[in-house]
PDB file of all heavy atoms in Angstrom:
ATOM      1  N   ASP A   1      17.604 -10.420 -22.179  1.00  0.00           N
ATOM      2  CA  ASP A   1      16.279  -9.895 -21.764  1.00  0.00           C
ATOM      3  C   ASP A   1      15.987  -8.396 -22.351  1.00  0.00           C
ATOM      4  O   ASP A   1      14.969  -7.902 -22.058  1.00  0.00           O
ATOM      5  CB  ASP A   1      16.153  -9.854 -20.246  1.00  0.00           C
ATOM      6  CG  ASP A   1      16.106 -11.228 -19.674  1.00  0.00           C
ATOM      7  OD1 ASP A   1      15.603 -12.115 -20.357  1.00  0.00           O
ATOM      8  OD2 ASP A   1      16.759 -11.479 -18.599  1.00  0.00           O
ATOM      9  N   ARG A   2      16.939  -7.838 -23.025  1.00  0.00           N
ATOM     10  CA  ARG A   2      16.793  -6.516 -23.573  1.00  0.00           C
ATOM     11  C   ARG A   2      16.021  -6.483 -24.929  1.00  0.00           C
ATOM     12  O   ARG A   2      16.047  -7.522 -25.600  1.00  0.00           O
ATOM     13  CB  ARG A   2      18.110  -5.896 -23.816  1.00  0.00           C
ATOM     14  CG  ARG A   2      18.976  -5.566 -22.489  1.00  0.00           C
ATOM     15  CD  ARG A   2      20.148  -4.707 -22.757  1.00  0.00           C
ATOM     16  NE  ARG A   2      20.947  -4.525 -21.555  1.00  0.00           N
ATOM     17  CZ  ARG A   2      21.996  -3.866 -21.503  1.00  0.00           C
ATOM     18  NH1 ARG A   2      22.417  -3.205 -22.542  1.00  0.00           N
ATOM     19  NH2 ARG A   2      22.722  -3.680 -20.391  1.00  0.00           N
ATOM     20  N   LYS A   3      15.508  -5.350 -25.263  1.00  0.00           N
ATOM     21  CA  LYS A   3      14.844  -5.169 -26.513  1.00  0.00           C
ATOM     22  C   LYS A   3      15.869  -4.580 -27.545  1.00  0.00           C
ATOM     23  O   LYS A   3      16.855  -4.015 -27.072  1.00  0.00           O
ATOM     24  CB  LYS A   3      13.648  -4.248 -26.430  1.00  0.00           C
ATOM     25  CG  LYS A   3      12.499  -4.685 -25.462  1.00  0.00           C
ATOM     26  CD  LYS A   3      11.775  -5.876 -26.113  1.00  0.00           C
ATOM     27  CE  LYS A   3      10.631  -6.375 -25.157  1.00  0.00           C
ATOM     28  NZ  LYS A   3       9.689  -5.375 -24.785  1.00  0.00           N
ATOM     29  N   PRO A   4      15.693  -4.822 -28.753  1.00  0.00           N
ATOM     30  CA  PRO A   4      16.628  -4.360 -29.856  1.00  0.00           C
ATOM     31  C   PRO A   4      16.990  -2.912 -29.645  1.00  0.00           C
ATOM     32  O   PRO A   4      18.179  -2.549 -29.912  1.00  0.00           O
ATOM     33  CB  PRO A   4      16.028  -4.733 -31.110  1.00  0.00           C
ATOM     34  CG  PRO A   4      15.171  -5.863 -30.806  1.00  0.00           C
ATOM     35  CD  PRO A   4      14.634  -5.641 -29.421  1.00  0.00           C
ATOM     36  N   LYS A   5      16.066  -2.051 -29.363  1.00  0.00           N
ATOM     37  CA  LYS A   5      16.320  -0.656 -29.266  1.00  0.00           C
ATOM     38  C   LYS A   5      17.319  -0.233 -28.180  1.00  0.00           C
ATOM     39  O   LYS A   5      17.990   0.816 -28.298  1.00  0.00           O
ATOM     40  CB  LYS A   5      15.063   0.091 -29.002  1.00  0.00           C
ATOM     41  CG  LYS A   5      14.359  -0.087 -27.582  1.00  0.00           C
ATOM     42  CD  LYS A   5      13.055   0.716 -27.476  1.00  0.00           C
ATOM     43  CE  LYS A   5      12.503   0.442 -26.122  1.00  0.00           C
ATOM     44  NZ  LYS A   5      11.215   1.270 -25.897  1.00  0.00           N
ATOM     45  N   ALA A   6      17.580  -1.139 -27.185  1.00  0.00           N
ATOM     46  CA  ALA A   6      18.573  -0.959 -26.123  1.00  0.00           C
ATOM     47  C   ALA A   6      19.927  -1.465 -26.516  1.00  0.00           C
ATOM     48  O   ALA A   6      20.883  -1.348 -25.691  1.00  0.00           O
ATOM     49  CB  ALA A   6      18.031  -1.579 -24.896  1.00  0.00           C
ATOM     50  N   LEU A   7      20.139  -1.886 -27.722  1.00  0.00           N
ATOM     51  CA  LEU A   7      21.477  -2.434 -28.246  1.00  0.00           C
ATOM     52  C   LEU A   7      22.069  -1.529 -29.231  1.00  0.00           C
ATOM     53  O   LEU A   7      21.436  -0.717 -29.908  1.00  0.00           O
ATOM     54  CB  LEU A   7      21.184  -3.792 -28.855  1.00  0.00           C
ATOM     55  CG  LEU A   7      20.533  -4.892 -27.950  1.00  0.00           C
ATOM     56  CD1 LEU A   7      20.356  -6.186 -28.875  1.00  0.00           C
ATOM     57  CD2 LEU A   7      21.235  -5.110 -26.727  1.00  0.00           C
ATOM     58  N   SER A   8      23.349  -1.608 -29.330  1.00  0.00           N
ATOM     59  CA  SER A   8      24.126  -0.938 -30.371  1.00  0.00           C
ATOM     60  C   SER A   8      24.011  -1.621 -31.679  1.00  0.00           C
ATOM     61  O   SER A   8      23.472  -2.811 -31.780  1.00  0.00           O
ATOM     62  CB  SER A   8      25.616  -0.830 -29.967  1.00  0.00           C
ATOM     63  OG  SER A   8      26.212  -2.128 -30.017  1.00  0.00           O
ATOM     64  N   GLY A   9      24.432  -0.972 -32.777  1.00  0.00           N
ATOM     65  CA  GLY A   9      24.340  -1.591 -34.131  1.00  0.00           C
ATOM     66  C   GLY A   9      25.161  -2.912 -34.132  1.00  0.00           C
ATOM     67  O   GLY A   9      24.577  -3.988 -34.721  1.00  0.00           O
ATOM     68  N   GLY A  10      26.336  -2.947 -33.526  1.00  0.00           N
ATOM     69  CA  GLY A  10      27.053  -4.208 -33.574  1.00  0.00           C
ATOM     70  C   GLY A  10      26.382  -5.277 -32.853  1.00  0.00           C
ATOM     71  O   GLY A  10      26.480  -6.496 -33.144  1.00  0.00           O
ATOM     72  N   GLN A  11      25.804  -4.931 -31.603  1.00  0.00           N
ATOM     73  CA  GLN A  11      25.058  -5.945 -30.793  1.00  0.00           C
ATOM     74  C   GLN A  11      23.782  -6.512 -31.564  1.00  0.00           C
ATOM     75  O   GLN A  11      23.564  -7.658 -31.492  1.00  0.00           O
ATOM     76  CB  GLN A  11      24.684  -5.355 -29.550  1.00  0.00           C
ATOM     77  CG  GLN A  11      25.913  -5.102 -28.633  1.00  0.00           C
ATOM     78  CD  GLN A  11      25.483  -4.167 -27.377  1.00  0.00           C
ATOM     79  OE1 GLN A  11      24.532  -3.418 -27.424  1.00  0.00           O
ATOM     80  NE2 GLN A  11      26.402  -4.212 -26.421  1.00  0.00           N
ATOM     81  N   ARG A  12      23.100  -5.600 -32.277  1.00  0.00           N
ATOM     82  CA  ARG A  12      21.997  -6.078 -33.060  1.00  0.00           C
ATOM     83  C   ARG A  12      22.392  -6.950 -34.176  1.00  0.00           C
ATOM     84  O   ARG A  12      21.748  -8.013 -34.474  1.00  0.00           O
ATOM     85  CB  ARG A  12      21.254  -4.828 -33.706  1.00  0.00           C
ATOM     86  CG  ARG A  12      20.566  -3.938 -32.678  1.00  0.00           C
ATOM     87  CD  ARG A  12      19.909  -2.726 -33.356  1.00  0.00           C
ATOM     88  NE  ARG A  12      19.587  -1.614 -32.405  1.00  0.00           N
ATOM     89  CZ  ARG A  12      19.014  -0.602 -32.717  1.00  0.00           C
ATOM     90  NH1 ARG A  12      18.787  -0.308 -33.998  1.00  0.00           N
ATOM     91  NH2 ARG A  12      18.683   0.296 -31.810  1.00  0.00           N
ATOM     92  N   GLN A  13      23.496  -6.673 -34.784  1.00  0.00           N
ATOM     93  CA  GLN A  13      24.049  -7.625 -35.826  1.00  0.00           C
ATOM     94  C   GLN A  13      24.387  -8.971 -35.291  1.00  0.00           C
ATOM     95  O   GLN A  13      24.159  -9.970 -35.883  1.00  0.00           O
ATOM     96  CB  GLN A  13      25.206  -7.051 -36.498  1.00  0.00           C
ATOM     97  CG  GLN A  13      25.638  -7.688 -37.835  1.00  0.00           C
ATOM     98  CD  GLN A  13      24.464  -7.841 -38.770  1.00  0.00           C
ATOM     99  OE1 GLN A  13      23.751  -8.866 -38.725  1.00  0.00           O
ATOM    100  NE2 GLN A  13      24.212  -6.838 -39.643  1.00  0.00           N
ATOM    101  N   ARG A  14      24.924  -8.977 -34.034  1.00  0.00           N
ATOM    102  CA  ARG A  14      25.254 -10.255 -33.301  1.00  0.00           C
ATOM    103  C   ARG A  14      23.944 -10.986 -33.047  1.00  0.00           C
ATOM    104  O   ARG A  14      23.928 -12.259 -33.134  1.00  0.00           O
ATOM    105  CB  ARG A  14      26.110  -9.999 -32.162  1.00  0.00           C
ATOM    106  CG  ARG A  14      27.458  -9.568 -32.484  1.00  0.00           C
ATOM    107  CD  ARG A  14      28.520  -9.949 -31.494  1.00  0.00           C
ATOM    108  NE  ARG A  14      28.313  -9.565 -30.118  1.00  0.00           N
ATOM    109  CZ  ARG A  14      28.627  -8.440 -29.595  1.00  0.00           C
ATOM    110  NH1 ARG A  14      29.254  -7.540 -30.369  1.00  0.00           N
ATOM    111  NH2 ARG A  14      28.426  -8.169 -28.260  1.00  0.00           N
ATOM    112  N   VAL A  15      22.910 -10.342 -32.695  1.00  0.00           N
ATOM    113  CA  VAL A  15      21.628 -11.030 -32.458  1.00  0.00           C
ATOM    114  C   VAL A  15      21.059 -11.598 -33.691  1.00  0.00           C
ATOM    115  O   VAL A  15      20.597 -12.719 -33.825  1.00  0.00           O
ATOM    116  CB  VAL A  15      20.526 -10.034 -31.924  1.00  0.00           C
ATOM    117  CG1 VAL A  15      19.153 -10.691 -31.757  1.00  0.00           C
ATOM    118  CG2 VAL A  15      21.053  -9.429 -30.550  1.00  0.00           C
ATOM    119  N   ALA A  16      21.239 -10.923 -34.799  1.00  0.00           N
ATOM    120  CA  ALA A  16      20.789 -11.501 -36.184  1.00  0.00           C
ATOM    121  C   ALA A  16      21.611 -12.676 -36.484  1.00  0.00           C
ATOM    122  O   ALA A  16      21.079 -13.705 -37.006  1.00  0.00           O
ATOM    123  CB  ALA A  16      20.971 -10.438 -37.305  1.00  0.00           C
ATOM    124  N   MET A  17      22.929 -12.661 -36.103  1.00  0.00           N
ATOM    125  CA  MET A  17      23.734 -13.836 -36.314  1.00  0.00           C
ATOM    126  C   MET A  17      23.291 -15.017 -35.518  1.00  0.00           C
ATOM    127  O   MET A  17      23.169 -16.143 -35.866  1.00  0.00           O
ATOM    128  CB  MET A  17      25.249 -13.553 -36.007  1.00  0.00           C
ATOM    129  CG  MET A  17      25.929 -12.644 -36.975  1.00  0.00           C
ATOM    130  SD  MET A  17      26.294 -13.543 -38.525  1.00  0.00           S
ATOM    131  CE  MET A  17      27.488 -14.764 -37.806  1.00  0.00           C
ATOM    132  N   GLY A  18      22.947 -14.650 -34.194  1.00  0.00           N
ATOM    133  CA  GLY A  18      22.498 -15.593 -33.303  1.00  0.00           C
ATOM    134  C   GLY A  18      21.256 -16.307 -33.778  1.00  0.00           C
ATOM    135  O   GLY A  18      21.071 -17.566 -33.630  1.00  0.00           O
ATOM    136  N   ARG A  19      20.355 -15.604 -34.339  1.00  0.00           N
ATOM    137  CA  ARG A  19      19.076 -16.076 -34.848  1.00  0.00           C
ATOM    138  C   ARG A  19      19.396 -17.166 -35.972  1.00  0.00           C
ATOM    139  O   ARG A  19      18.606 -18.129 -36.097  1.00  0.00           O
ATOM    140  CB  ARG A  19      18.293 -15.017 -35.419  1.00  0.00           C
ATOM    141  CG  ARG A  19      16.835 -15.421 -35.888  1.00  0.00           C
ATOM    142  CD  ARG A  19      16.012 -14.275 -36.288  1.00  0.00           C
ATOM    143  NE  ARG A  19      16.777 -13.423 -37.237  1.00  0.00           N
ATOM    144  CZ  ARG A  19      16.386 -12.105 -37.594  1.00  0.00           C
ATOM    145  NH1 ARG A  19      15.352 -11.563 -37.101  1.00  0.00           N
ATOM    146  NH2 ARG A  19      17.130 -11.447 -38.500  1.00  0.00           N
ATOM    147  N   ALA A  20      20.392 -16.915 -36.671  1.00  0.00           N
ATOM    148  CA  ALA A  20      20.785 -17.879 -37.792  1.00  0.00           C
ATOM    149  C   ALA A  20      21.496 -19.128 -37.147  1.00  0.00           C
ATOM    150  O   ALA A  20      21.244 -20.297 -37.548  1.00  0.00           O
ATOM    151  CB  ALA A  20      21.720 -17.208 -38.790  1.00  0.00           C
ATOM    152  N   ILE A  21      22.346 -18.899 -36.157  1.00  0.00           N
ATOM    153  CA  ILE A  21      23.160 -19.955 -35.565  1.00  0.00           C
ATOM    154  C   ILE A  21      22.193 -21.017 -34.837  1.00  0.00           C
ATOM    155  O   ILE A  21      22.475 -22.245 -34.987  1.00  0.00           O
ATOM    156  CB  ILE A  21      24.108 -19.487 -34.547  1.00  0.00           C
ATOM    157  CG1 ILE A  21      25.208 -18.676 -35.333  1.00  0.00           C
ATOM    158  CG2 ILE A  21      24.704 -20.562 -33.650  1.00  0.00           C
ATOM    159  CD1 ILE A  21      26.159 -17.951 -34.337  1.00  0.00           C
ATOM    160  N   VAL A  22      21.252 -20.506 -34.129  1.00  0.00           N
ATOM    161  CA  VAL A  22      20.376 -21.491 -33.373  1.00  0.00           C
ATOM    162  C   VAL A  22      19.616 -22.488 -34.235  1.00  0.00           C
ATOM    163  O   VAL A  22      19.251 -23.532 -33.752  1.00  0.00           O
ATOM    164  CB  VAL A  22      19.370 -20.723 -32.470  1.00  0.00           C
ATOM    165  CG1 VAL A  22      20.080 -19.881 -31.522  1.00  0.00           C
ATOM    166  CG2 VAL A  22      18.345 -19.954 -33.377  1.00  0.00           C
ATOM    167  N   ARG A  23      19.549 -22.209 -35.578  1.00  0.00           N
ATOM    168  CA  ARG A  23      18.798 -23.084 -36.423  1.00  0.00           C
ATOM    169  C   ARG A  23      19.639 -24.284 -36.790  1.00  0.00           C
ATOM    170  O   ARG A  23      19.143 -25.288 -37.543  1.00  0.00           O
ATOM    171  CB  ARG A  23      18.267 -22.396 -37.537  1.00  0.00           C
ATOM    172  CG  ARG A  23      17.200 -21.258 -37.276  1.00  0.00           C
ATOM    173  CD  ARG A  23      16.786 -20.496 -38.354  1.00  0.00           C
ATOM    174  NE  ARG A  23      16.228 -21.327 -39.462  1.00  0.00           N
ATOM    175  CZ  ARG A  23      15.872 -20.875 -40.695  1.00  0.00           C
ATOM    176  NH1 ARG A  23      16.108 -19.660 -40.898  1.00  0.00           N
ATOM    177  NH2 ARG A  23      15.421 -21.779 -41.625  1.00  0.00           N
ATOM    178  N   ASN A  24      20.939 -24.197 -36.638  1.00  0.00           N
ATOM    179  CA  ASN A  24      21.861 -25.261 -37.123  1.00  0.00           C
ATOM    180  C   ASN A  24      21.649 -25.543 -38.684  1.00  0.00           C
ATOM    181  O   ASN A  24      21.400 -26.733 -38.944  1.00  0.00           O
ATOM    182  CB  ASN A  24      21.697 -26.583 -36.312  1.00  0.00           C
ATOM    183  CG  ASN A  24      22.158 -26.325 -34.869  1.00  0.00           C
ATOM    184  OD1 ASN A  24      23.000 -25.552 -34.566  1.00  0.00           O
ATOM    185  ND2 ASN A  24      21.582 -27.148 -33.954  1.00  0.00           N
ATOM    186  N   PRO A  25      21.602 -24.477 -39.443  1.00  0.00           N
ATOM    187  CA  PRO A  25      21.348 -24.743 -40.815  1.00  0.00           C
ATOM    188  C   PRO A  25      22.533 -25.371 -41.586  1.00  0.00           C
ATOM    189  O   PRO A  25      23.688 -25.438 -41.144  1.00  0.00           O
ATOM    190  CB  PRO A  25      21.088 -23.337 -41.374  1.00  0.00           C
ATOM    191  CG  PRO A  25      22.113 -22.491 -40.453  1.00  0.00           C
ATOM    192  CD  PRO A  25      22.040 -23.088 -39.136  1.00  0.00           C
ATOM    193  N   GLN A  26      22.229 -25.784 -42.823  1.00  0.00           N
ATOM    194  CA  GLN A  26      23.297 -26.295 -43.711  1.00  0.00           C
ATOM    195  C   GLN A  26      24.199 -25.241 -44.298  1.00  0.00           C
ATOM    196  O   GLN A  26      25.379 -25.491 -44.617  1.00  0.00           O
ATOM    197  CB  GLN A  26      22.729 -27.132 -44.834  1.00  0.00           C
ATOM    198  CG  GLN A  26      22.083 -28.414 -44.452  1.00  0.00           C
ATOM    199  CD  GLN A  26      21.876 -29.338 -45.599  1.00  0.00           C
ATOM    200  OE1 GLN A  26      22.836 -30.088 -46.102  1.00  0.00           O
ATOM    201  NE2 GLN A  26      20.698 -29.426 -46.099  1.00  0.00           N
ATOM    202  N   ALA A  27      23.656 -23.923 -44.292  1.00  0.00           N
ATOM    203  CA  ALA A  27      24.471 -22.883 -44.897  1.00  0.00           C
ATOM    204  C   ALA A  27      23.953 -21.586 -44.244  1.00  0.00           C
ATOM    205  O   ALA A  27      22.768 -21.343 -43.992  1.00  0.00           O
ATOM    206  CB  ALA A  27      24.368 -22.845 -46.404  1.00  0.00           C
ATOM    207  N   PHE A  28      24.871 -20.652 -44.077  1.00  0.00           N
ATOM    208  CA  PHE A  28      24.614 -19.256 -43.701  1.00  0.00           C
ATOM    209  C   PHE A  28      24.683 -18.396 -45.057  1.00  0.00           C
ATOM    210  O   PHE A  28      25.595 -18.502 -45.727  1.00  0.00           O
ATOM    211  CB  PHE A  28      25.647 -18.701 -42.716  1.00  0.00           C
ATOM    212  CG  PHE A  28      25.568 -19.309 -41.347  1.00  0.00           C
ATOM    213  CD1 PHE A  28      26.683 -19.506 -40.639  1.00  0.00           C
ATOM    214  CD2 PHE A  28      24.402 -19.562 -40.806  1.00  0.00           C
ATOM    215  CE1 PHE A  28      26.718 -20.011 -39.385  1.00  0.00           C
ATOM    216  CE2 PHE A  28      24.264 -20.096 -39.497  1.00  0.00           C
ATOM    217  CZ  PHE A  28      25.454 -20.298 -38.829  1.00  0.00           C
ATOM    218  N   LEU A  29      23.757 -17.547 -45.210  1.00  0.00           N
ATOM    219  CA  LEU A  29      23.686 -16.637 -46.385  1.00  0.00           C
ATOM    220  C   LEU A  29      23.675 -15.170 -45.746  1.00  0.00           C
ATOM    221  O   LEU A  29      22.803 -14.840 -44.985  1.00  0.00           O
ATOM    222  CB  LEU A  29      22.507 -16.794 -47.257  1.00  0.00           C
ATOM    223  CG  LEU A  29      22.168 -18.195 -47.681  1.00  0.00           C
ATOM    224  CD1 LEU A  29      21.053 -18.241 -48.747  1.00  0.00           C
ATOM    225  CD2 LEU A  29      23.423 -18.884 -48.300  1.00  0.00           C
TER     226      LEU A  29
END
């Protein structure tokens, strides 16, 4: 429920990873 500005750099990067994971893609770039 937090906004990106309330997260550390490492947490923001994990959010970016999560955005990729939820799509169940054939490949991560």
